[in-house]
Amino acid sequence: MWEKLKALEEHFNSLEVKLSDPETIKDLPQWQKYTREHAELFEIVDSYRRMQNIEKELREAKEMLQEKEKLDGEMLLYLKEEIATLTGEKERLEEQLKVLLLPKDPNDEKDVIMELRAGTGGDEAALFTADLLRMYLRFAEKKQWDTELLSSHPTDIGGFKEISLSIKGRGAYSWLKFEKGVHRVQRIPTTESGGRIHTSAATVAVLPEADEVEFEINPQELRIDTFCATGHGGQSVNTTQSAVRITHLPTNTIVTCQDEKSQFKNRDKAMRVLRARLLDKMISEQQEEQAQERRSQVGTGDRSERIRTYNFPQNRVTDHRIGLSLHKLDQVLEGELDTIIEALIAHDRAERLKKEGN
C-alpha cells in the first residue's frame, strides 16, 4: 500500500508542475484533464502526507520516552498521552487510506437518468410509481441537484405507467446506483372499499448519463419515427408530429419521447435516454464477465431483484439487501433517504475491503 501511495504522491506532484506550465494552460482540454486528476488525488495525497507527519511525531515522542529518567512526571505523562493520541490517529488514517485506495466506479461522478416503471398492481402500482418519483425529486432537491423530466406516461388517476428523469449533480450516480431494482409497497389502496392491504411493485433503473464524446452512436444504426403525441399535453402536442421514437437497430432498444411540443427537443431527450441505456447495457455485459466481483457488491443491480419494501400500515421501510428496517416511512417518502443510502454505501465498502484483504 505504501509503495502505491508514494507513486500517487509523485504523480500528484507532477500534475501540479503541469498545471502551472503556461503551455498546458493554453490547451484547455488537457488542462481540464489534469485538473480532474489533481482533484481526484488530493484527498489521498493529503491523508498520506498527514500520515507521514504523524509517524514522524510518533517516532520523536517514542525516542523522548526512551530517556524517561531525564523527564519529570508531568512530561512523562504528557508523552504517554501524546503517543496514545497519535497512535489512534495513525490507525484512523490507515483505515481511511485503505478506503480511498479502493478501485473507484468510473461512473460515480456522472449524472443520472432514472427510469421508473409500474409493475404488478395495476392502478395502485402506477400511483406508487408517482410516490417514488416524488421521493427522488425531494431527495435531489435536498442535495441541490438539478432535475429534468425526460418522458412520461401518466394515468388518469395521477399515477405513472413509466417515467424518465435526468438528475444532474456532483456524485449523483454514486448516491443513486443502489436504488436500481424492484421496490414493493404494502398498503390499502384508495380504491379498496374492504380495507384490505394490497402489495404492488415498481421497478427503478439508474443509468449513468453518457455524453456524445464518451459514447458515440452510429446514425446509420438508428431508425427515427415521428408521430402525434397522445394523452396529456394540450391540443398543439396532440395534433402535430412532435413525438419521436428512436430504435437502435443492432440492439432493438426503443426510446419514445412525446412530452415536449418541439420535435427537436423530444429527439434530443430520446437520444440522451438511448445513450444512457446503451452505456448501461455495455456496463452490465462487462459485469457479467466479472460475476464474482459483482456478487460481492450490494445486490446484483438487476431490475428483477426485490430490494426494498414500503409498508404503510407499520410506517416501515425495509431494505432487504442489508436487513435494515426503519419505522419512518413517511420521512423516507419525503426524500430522507440518506440513512438508507449511507448504510448501503458502507456495506458495499466493507465487502470490497474484505475482498481486497483476501
Protein backbone atom coordinates (compact mmCIF):
# COMPACT_ATOMS: atom_id res chain seq x y z
CA MET A 1 0.00 0.00 0.00
CA TRP A 2 2.80 2.42 0.90
CA GLU A 3 4.57 1.96 -2.45
CA LYS A 4 1.31 2.76 -4.22
CA LEU A 5 0.78 5.85 -2.07
CA LYS A 6 4.31 7.08 -2.76
CA ALA A 7 3.76 6.64 -6.52
CA LEU A 8 0.45 8.54 -6.32
CA GLU A 9 2.14 11.39 -4.46
CA GLU A 10 4.83 11.60 -7.14
CA HIS A 11 2.15 11.69 -9.85
CA PHE A 12 0.28 14.37 -7.87
CA ASN A 13 3.44 16.49 -7.72
CA SER A 14 3.99 16.10 -11.47
CA LEU A 15 0.39 17.24 -12.10
CA GLU A 16 1.00 20.40 -10.06
CA VAL A 17 4.02 21.17 -12.24
CA LYS A 18 1.99 20.60 -15.41
CA LEU A 19 -0.90 22.74 -14.19
CA SER A 20 1.44 25.68 -13.65
CA ASP A 21 3.02 25.28 -17.11
CA PRO A 22 1.83 28.08 -19.49
CA GLU A 23 1.76 25.58 -22.39
CA THR A 24 -0.68 23.37 -20.50
CA ILE A 25 -2.91 26.34 -19.64
CA LYS A 26 -3.20 27.14 -23.36
CA ASP A 27 -4.53 23.63 -24.06
CA LEU A 28 -7.92 23.79 -22.29
CA PRO A 29 -8.97 20.10 -22.71
CA GLN A 30 -5.59 18.92 -21.40
CA TRP A 31 -5.65 21.42 -18.54
CA GLN A 32 -9.16 20.24 -17.57
CA LYS A 33 -8.00 16.60 -17.64
CA TYR A 34 -5.06 17.37 -15.34
CA THR A 35 -7.32 19.43 -13.04
CA ARG A 36 -9.74 16.49 -12.65
CA GLU A 37 -6.88 14.09 -11.91
CA HIS A 38 -5.42 16.53 -9.38
CA ALA A 39 -8.80 16.89 -7.62
CA GLU A 40 -9.29 13.10 -7.52
CA LEU A 41 -5.87 12.55 -5.93
CA PHE A 42 -5.98 15.44 -3.47
CA GLU A 43 -7.72 13.64 -0.57
CA ILE A 44 -5.49 10.55 -0.91
CA VAL A 45 -2.26 12.55 -1.04
CA ASP A 46 -3.36 14.88 1.76
CA SER A 47 -4.16 11.88 4.01
CA TYR A 48 -0.84 10.23 3.09
CA ARG A 49 1.11 13.37 3.98
CA ARG A 50 -0.72 13.69 7.29
CA MET A 51 0.13 10.05 7.96
CA GLN A 52 3.81 10.77 7.30
CA ASN A 53 3.75 13.74 9.70
CA ILE A 54 2.05 11.66 12.39
CA GLU A 55 4.59 8.85 12.00
CA LYS A 56 7.41 11.38 12.37
CA GLU A 57 5.85 12.89 15.52
CA LEU A 58 5.25 9.38 16.89
CA ARG A 59 8.89 8.39 16.37
CA GLU A 60 10.10 11.57 18.07
CA ALA A 61 7.76 11.07 21.05
CA LYS A 62 8.87 7.44 21.48
CA GLU A 63 12.54 8.45 21.28
CA MET A 64 11.99 11.06 24.03
CA LEU A 65 10.16 8.49 26.15
CA GLN A 66 13.18 6.16 25.98
CA GLU A 67 15.08 8.77 28.01
CA LYS A 68 12.42 8.83 30.73
CA GLU A 69 14.99 9.04 33.51
CA LYS A 70 15.66 12.63 32.32
CA LEU A 71 11.95 13.56 32.32
CA ASP A 72 9.79 14.84 35.17
CA GLY A 73 6.46 13.22 35.94
CA GLU A 74 4.39 15.82 34.11
CA MET A 75 6.43 15.49 30.89
CA LEU A 76 6.30 11.70 31.14
CA LEU A 77 2.51 11.75 31.41
CA TYR A 78 2.25 14.20 28.51
CA LEU A 79 4.38 11.97 26.23
CA LYS A 80 2.32 8.87 27.04
CA GLU A 81 -0.92 10.70 26.26
CA GLU A 82 0.58 12.12 23.05
CA ILE A 83 1.71 8.67 21.90
CA ALA A 84 -1.77 7.25 22.58
CA THR A 85 -3.42 10.11 20.64
CA LEU A 86 -1.01 9.84 17.70
CA THR A 87 -1.37 6.04 17.56
CA GLY A 88 -5.17 6.36 17.40
CA GLU A 89 -4.91 8.99 14.65
CA LYS A 90 -2.48 6.80 12.71
CA GLU A 91 -4.85 3.81 12.86
CA ARG A 92 -7.76 6.00 11.73
CA LEU A 93 -5.78 7.36 8.78
CA GLU A 94 -4.65 3.86 7.78
CA GLU A 95 -8.28 2.74 7.55
CA GLN A 96 -9.19 5.90 5.65
CA LEU A 97 -6.38 5.33 3.16
CA LYS A 98 -7.49 1.73 2.58
CA VAL A 99 -10.96 3.03 1.67
CA LEU A 100 -9.57 5.81 -0.54
CA LEU A 101 -7.42 3.30 -2.43
CA LEU A 102 -10.35 1.03 -3.26
CA PRO A 103 -11.00 0.95 -7.04
CA LYS A 104 -13.50 3.66 -7.86
CA ASP A 105 -16.55 3.11 -10.02
CA PRO A 106 -15.71 5.17 -13.11
CA ASN A 107 -19.36 6.26 -13.30
CA ASP A 108 -19.66 7.56 -9.71
CA GLU A 109 -19.29 11.21 -10.65
CA LYS A 110 -21.69 11.02 -13.58
CA ASP A 111 -25.15 12.48 -13.82
CA VAL A 112 -28.05 10.04 -13.82
CA ILE A 113 -31.06 9.09 -15.87
CA MET A 114 -33.66 7.31 -13.74
CA GLU A 115 -36.44 5.23 -15.28
CA LEU A 116 -39.38 4.27 -13.08
CA ARG A 117 -41.97 1.76 -14.29
CA ALA A 118 -45.17 0.50 -12.69
CA GLY A 119 -45.03 -3.26 -12.12
CA THR A 120 -47.61 -5.64 -10.73
CA GLY A 121 -50.61 -3.99 -9.15
CA GLY A 122 -52.40 -2.06 -11.88
CA ASP A 123 -53.52 1.46 -10.90
CA GLU A 124 -52.02 1.11 -7.42
CA ALA A 125 -48.59 0.33 -8.93
CA ALA A 126 -48.85 3.44 -11.10
CA LEU A 127 -49.70 5.56 -8.03
CA PHE A 128 -46.74 4.06 -6.17
CA THR A 129 -44.51 4.95 -9.12
CA ALA A 130 -45.65 8.57 -8.69
CA ASP A 131 -44.76 8.33 -4.97
CA LEU A 132 -41.25 7.10 -5.82
CA LEU A 133 -40.84 9.91 -8.34
CA ARG A 134 -41.75 12.48 -5.70
CA MET A 135 -39.36 10.82 -3.22
CA TYR A 136 -36.41 11.05 -5.62
CA LEU A 137 -37.29 14.63 -6.61
CA ARG A 138 -37.32 15.63 -2.91
CA PHE A 139 -34.02 13.82 -2.32
CA ALA A 140 -32.44 15.58 -5.30
CA GLU A 141 -33.75 18.92 -4.03
CA LYS A 142 -32.12 18.33 -0.63
CA LYS A 143 -28.83 17.54 -2.41
CA GLN A 144 -29.24 20.71 -4.53
CA TRP A 145 -29.17 18.65 -7.73
CA ASP A 146 -30.94 19.71 -10.92
CA THR A 147 -33.78 17.54 -12.23
CA GLU A 148 -35.47 17.42 -15.63
CA LEU A 149 -38.41 15.35 -16.80
CA LEU A 150 -37.47 13.49 -19.99
CA SER A 151 -40.56 11.43 -20.77
CA SER A 152 -43.69 10.22 -19.01
CA HIS A 153 -46.76 8.06 -19.47
CA PRO A 154 -49.26 9.30 -16.85
CA THR A 155 -52.51 7.58 -15.89
CA ASP A 156 -55.90 9.24 -15.47
CA ILE A 157 -55.82 8.93 -11.65
CA GLY A 158 -52.48 10.67 -11.08
CA GLY A 159 -50.03 7.80 -11.39
CA PHE A 160 -47.42 6.89 -13.99
CA LYS A 161 -47.04 3.77 -16.10
CA GLU A 162 -43.45 4.86 -16.62
CA ILE A 163 -41.37 8.00 -16.33
CA SER A 164 -37.80 9.05 -17.11
CA LEU A 165 -35.96 11.91 -15.50
CA SER A 166 -32.48 13.37 -15.56
CA ILE A 167 -30.68 14.16 -12.29
CA LYS A 168 -27.56 16.30 -12.53
CA GLY A 169 -25.27 16.86 -9.57
CA ARG A 170 -21.88 16.00 -8.14
CA GLY A 171 -21.71 12.29 -7.35
CA ALA A 172 -25.35 11.68 -8.31
CA TYR A 173 -24.66 8.17 -9.62
CA SER A 174 -22.59 7.20 -6.55
CA TRP A 175 -25.61 8.01 -4.36
CA LEU A 176 -28.39 6.62 -6.53
CA LYS A 177 -26.88 3.49 -8.11
CA PHE A 178 -28.08 1.27 -5.26
CA GLU A 179 -31.71 2.28 -5.98
CA LYS A 180 -31.97 0.04 -9.03
CA GLY A 181 -34.27 -2.92 -8.61
CA VAL A 182 -37.84 -3.76 -7.59
CA HIS A 183 -39.49 -1.54 -4.96
CA ARG A 184 -42.53 -3.13 -3.30
CA VAL A 185 -45.35 -1.34 -1.49
CA GLN A 186 -47.84 -2.74 1.01
CA ARG A 187 -50.84 -0.53 1.76
CA ILE A 188 -54.61 -0.17 1.47
CA PRO A 189 -55.36 1.38 -1.94
CA THR A 190 -57.72 4.35 -2.08
CA THR A 191 -59.94 2.28 -4.37
CA GLU A 192 -60.18 -0.58 -1.83
CA SER A 193 -63.52 -0.45 -0.01
CA GLY A 194 -62.89 -3.52 2.14
CA GLY A 195 -59.79 -2.15 3.86
CA ARG A 196 -57.55 -4.96 2.61
CA ILE A 197 -53.79 -4.44 2.26
CA HIS A 198 -52.53 -4.87 -1.30
CA THR A 199 -48.99 -5.48 -2.49
CA SER A 200 -47.83 -3.67 -5.61
CA ALA A 201 -44.43 -3.00 -7.16
CA ALA A 202 -42.45 -0.66 -9.36
CA THR A 203 -39.04 -1.09 -10.96
CA VAL A 204 -36.30 1.52 -10.87
CA ALA A 205 -33.42 1.71 -13.34
CA VAL A 206 -30.48 4.02 -12.63
CA LEU A 207 -28.38 4.77 -15.70
CA PRO A 208 -25.15 6.80 -15.74
CA GLU A 209 -25.64 9.52 -18.34
CA ALA A 210 -23.16 9.31 -21.22
CA ASP A 211 -22.15 12.27 -23.35
CA GLU A 212 -21.72 12.12 -27.12
CA VAL A 213 -17.92 12.01 -26.99
CA GLU A 214 -17.87 9.19 -24.46
CA PHE A 215 -20.47 7.00 -26.18
CA GLU A 216 -20.86 7.65 -29.88
CA ILE A 217 -23.81 6.16 -31.76
CA ASN A 218 -23.64 5.49 -35.48
CA PRO A 219 -26.56 7.38 -37.10
CA GLN A 220 -26.81 4.59 -39.69
CA GLU A 221 -27.85 2.23 -36.88
CA LEU A 222 -30.87 4.33 -35.91
CA ARG A 223 -34.46 4.36 -37.16
CA ILE A 224 -36.26 7.56 -36.19
CA ASP A 225 -40.05 7.76 -36.45
CA THR A 226 -42.26 10.75 -35.68
CA PHE A 227 -45.96 10.69 -34.77
CA CYS A 228 -48.64 12.67 -32.97
CA ALA A 229 -48.38 12.62 -29.22
CA THR A 230 -51.20 11.04 -27.22
CA GLY A 231 -52.60 11.64 -23.76
CA HIS A 232 -51.89 14.76 -21.71
CA GLY A 233 -50.17 17.72 -23.27
CA GLY A 234 -52.73 20.03 -24.83
CA GLN A 235 -54.05 20.47 -28.34
CA SER A 236 -50.79 21.50 -30.05
CA VAL A 237 -48.97 18.48 -28.67
CA ASN A 238 -51.66 16.06 -29.71
CA THR A 239 -52.13 17.33 -33.28
CA THR A 240 -48.54 17.82 -34.52
CA GLN A 241 -45.87 15.30 -35.45
CA SER A 242 -43.87 16.20 -32.31
CA ALA A 243 -43.46 12.76 -30.71
CA VAL A 244 -40.28 10.84 -31.52
CA ARG A 245 -39.49 7.14 -31.43
CA ILE A 246 -35.84 6.11 -31.86
CA THR A 247 -34.89 2.48 -32.46
CA HIS A 248 -31.28 1.34 -32.12
CA LEU A 249 -31.33 -1.44 -34.70
CA PRO A 250 -28.36 -3.59 -33.52
CA THR A 251 -29.83 -3.98 -30.01
CA ASN A 252 -33.52 -3.29 -30.79
CA THR A 253 -33.51 -0.70 -28.00
CA ILE A 254 -36.53 1.61 -28.39
CA VAL A 255 -36.94 5.02 -26.77
CA THR A 256 -40.05 7.20 -27.12
CA CYS A 257 -40.40 10.82 -26.08
CA GLN A 258 -43.52 12.95 -26.57
CA ASP A 259 -43.69 15.40 -23.65
CA GLU A 260 -42.32 18.43 -25.49
CA LYS A 261 -44.15 20.44 -28.17
CA SER A 262 -40.92 20.57 -30.18
CA GLN A 263 -39.90 17.52 -32.19
CA PHE A 264 -36.26 18.63 -31.87
CA LYS A 265 -36.46 18.70 -28.05
CA ASN A 266 -38.16 15.30 -27.96
CA ARG A 267 -35.46 13.88 -30.21
CA ASP A 268 -32.69 15.34 -28.06
CA LYS A 269 -34.19 13.88 -24.87
CA ALA A 270 -34.77 10.49 -26.53
CA MET A 271 -31.13 10.39 -27.66
CA ARG A 272 -29.95 11.10 -24.11
CA VAL A 273 -32.03 8.22 -22.76
CA LEU A 274 -30.90 5.91 -25.59
CA ARG A 275 -27.24 6.74 -25.00
CA ALA A 276 -27.64 6.06 -21.27
CA ARG A 277 -29.41 2.73 -21.88
CA LEU A 278 -26.73 1.55 -24.29
CA LEU A 279 -23.97 2.53 -21.86
CA ASP A 280 -25.82 0.69 -19.08
CA LYS A 281 -26.12 -2.37 -21.33
CA MET A 282 -22.38 -2.27 -22.02
CA ILE A 283 -21.61 -1.96 -18.29
CA SER A 284 -23.95 -4.88 -17.49
CA GLU A 285 -22.21 -7.07 -20.05
CA GLN A 286 -18.82 -6.19 -18.55
CA GLN A 287 -20.13 -7.01 -15.07
CA GLU A 288 -21.40 -10.37 -16.27
CA GLU A 289 -17.83 -11.19 -17.24
CA GLN A 290 -16.79 -10.31 -13.68
CA ALA A 291 -19.55 -12.25 -11.94
CA GLN A 292 -17.58 -12.96 -8.79
CA GLU A 293 -16.86 -9.27 -8.20
CA ARG A 294 -20.46 -8.40 -8.98
CA ARG A 295 -21.77 -10.81 -6.35
CA SER A 296 -19.53 -9.22 -3.71
CA GLN A 297 -21.30 -5.89 -4.04
CA VAL A 298 -24.69 -4.86 -2.63
CA GLY A 299 -27.07 -6.96 -4.70
CA THR A 300 -26.64 -7.55 -8.38
CA GLY A 301 -28.25 -4.36 -9.60
CA ASP A 302 -30.72 -6.46 -11.57
CA ARG A 303 -34.10 -4.81 -12.11
CA SER A 304 -35.81 -8.12 -11.21
CA GLU A 305 -34.29 -8.15 -7.72
CA ARG A 306 -36.63 -7.05 -4.92
CA ILE A 307 -34.58 -4.58 -2.95
CA ARG A 308 -36.96 -2.68 -0.69
CA THR A 309 -40.43 -2.84 0.84
CA TYR A 310 -42.51 0.20 1.86
CA ASN A 311 -45.07 -0.90 4.46
CA PHE A 312 -47.63 1.86 5.11
CA PRO A 313 -49.64 0.27 7.99
CA GLN A 314 -46.43 -0.04 10.06
CA ASN A 315 -44.81 3.17 8.73
CA ARG A 316 -41.84 0.91 7.94
CA VAL A 317 -39.33 0.73 5.12
CA THR A 318 -37.07 -2.33 4.83
CA ASP A 319 -34.03 -2.71 2.61
CA HIS A 320 -33.71 -6.46 2.08
CA ARG A 321 -30.09 -6.40 0.88
CA ILE A 322 -28.69 -5.34 4.25
CA GLY A 323 -31.64 -6.17 6.53
CA LEU A 324 -32.20 -2.55 7.50
CA SER A 325 -35.68 -1.56 8.76
CA LEU A 326 -36.68 1.98 9.67
CA HIS A 327 -40.04 2.96 11.14
CA LYS A 328 -40.10 6.34 9.43
CA LEU A 329 -41.59 5.60 6.03
CA ASP A 330 -43.31 9.00 5.99
CA GLN A 331 -39.92 10.75 6.23
CA VAL A 332 -38.31 8.50 3.63
CA LEU A 333 -41.06 9.31 1.12
CA GLU A 334 -40.27 12.99 1.76
CA GLY A 335 -36.77 12.37 0.43
CA GLU A 336 -34.99 11.46 3.68
CA LEU A 337 -33.00 8.68 2.03
CA ASP A 338 -29.56 9.47 3.47
CA THR A 339 -29.68 6.90 6.29
CA ILE A 340 -30.56 4.06 3.92
CA ILE A 341 -28.15 5.01 1.14
CA GLU A 342 -25.25 5.68 3.54
CA ALA A 343 -25.79 2.23 5.08
CA LEU A 344 -25.73 0.65 1.60
CA ILE A 345 -22.53 2.54 0.69
CA ALA A 346 -20.88 1.47 3.97
CA HIS A 347 -21.88 -2.17 3.43
CA ASP A 348 -20.57 -2.15 -0.13
CA ARG A 349 -17.30 -0.58 1.04
CA ALA A 350 -16.90 -3.17 3.81
CA GLU A 351 -17.47 -6.03 1.35
CA ARG A 352 -14.89 -4.63 -1.05
CA LEU A 353 -12.36 -4.09 1.75
CA LYS A 354 -12.92 -7.70 2.83
CA LYS A 355 -12.27 -8.84 -0.71
CA GLU A 356 -9.12 -6.70 -1.00
CA GLY A 357 -7.84 -8.28 2.24
CA ASN A 358 -8.25 -11.84 0.94
